[in-house]
Amino acid sequence: MRTIVDLPENAVKALDVIGTKLSLSRAELVRRSVNAYLEKQNAAISPITNDIYGLYSDLYNEHTDSLELQNTLREEWSEKYPSIDTNFMLHDSGKNNYNE
């Protein structure tokens, strides 16, 4: 993706000096800087995820739907306790299955 970014003149000069030393373009230096920043932020967020989801962190990721997670946990109950009626499992509200 291409984007326009306004940088202060001293930052542009610093990028030019570093780019000359490393034989890298200004754009490549900015790409690497953004990637390094994102990696640092992701590393900082992971412990927070563990604190929030605790025992269930192995079941959760950023793409997991909360309803899907809840139903997965309830499926474990029905495997451990076969006498439990699984009709209480939640459904996607878009399907309007609540009255079943």
Foldseek 3Di string as FASTA:
>chain_A
DDDDDDDDPVVVVVLVVVCVVVVHDSVVVVVVVVVVVVVVVVVVCVVVLCVVCPPCSVVDDPPDDPLNSVLVVVVVVCVVPVVDDSPPRDDDVVVVPPVD
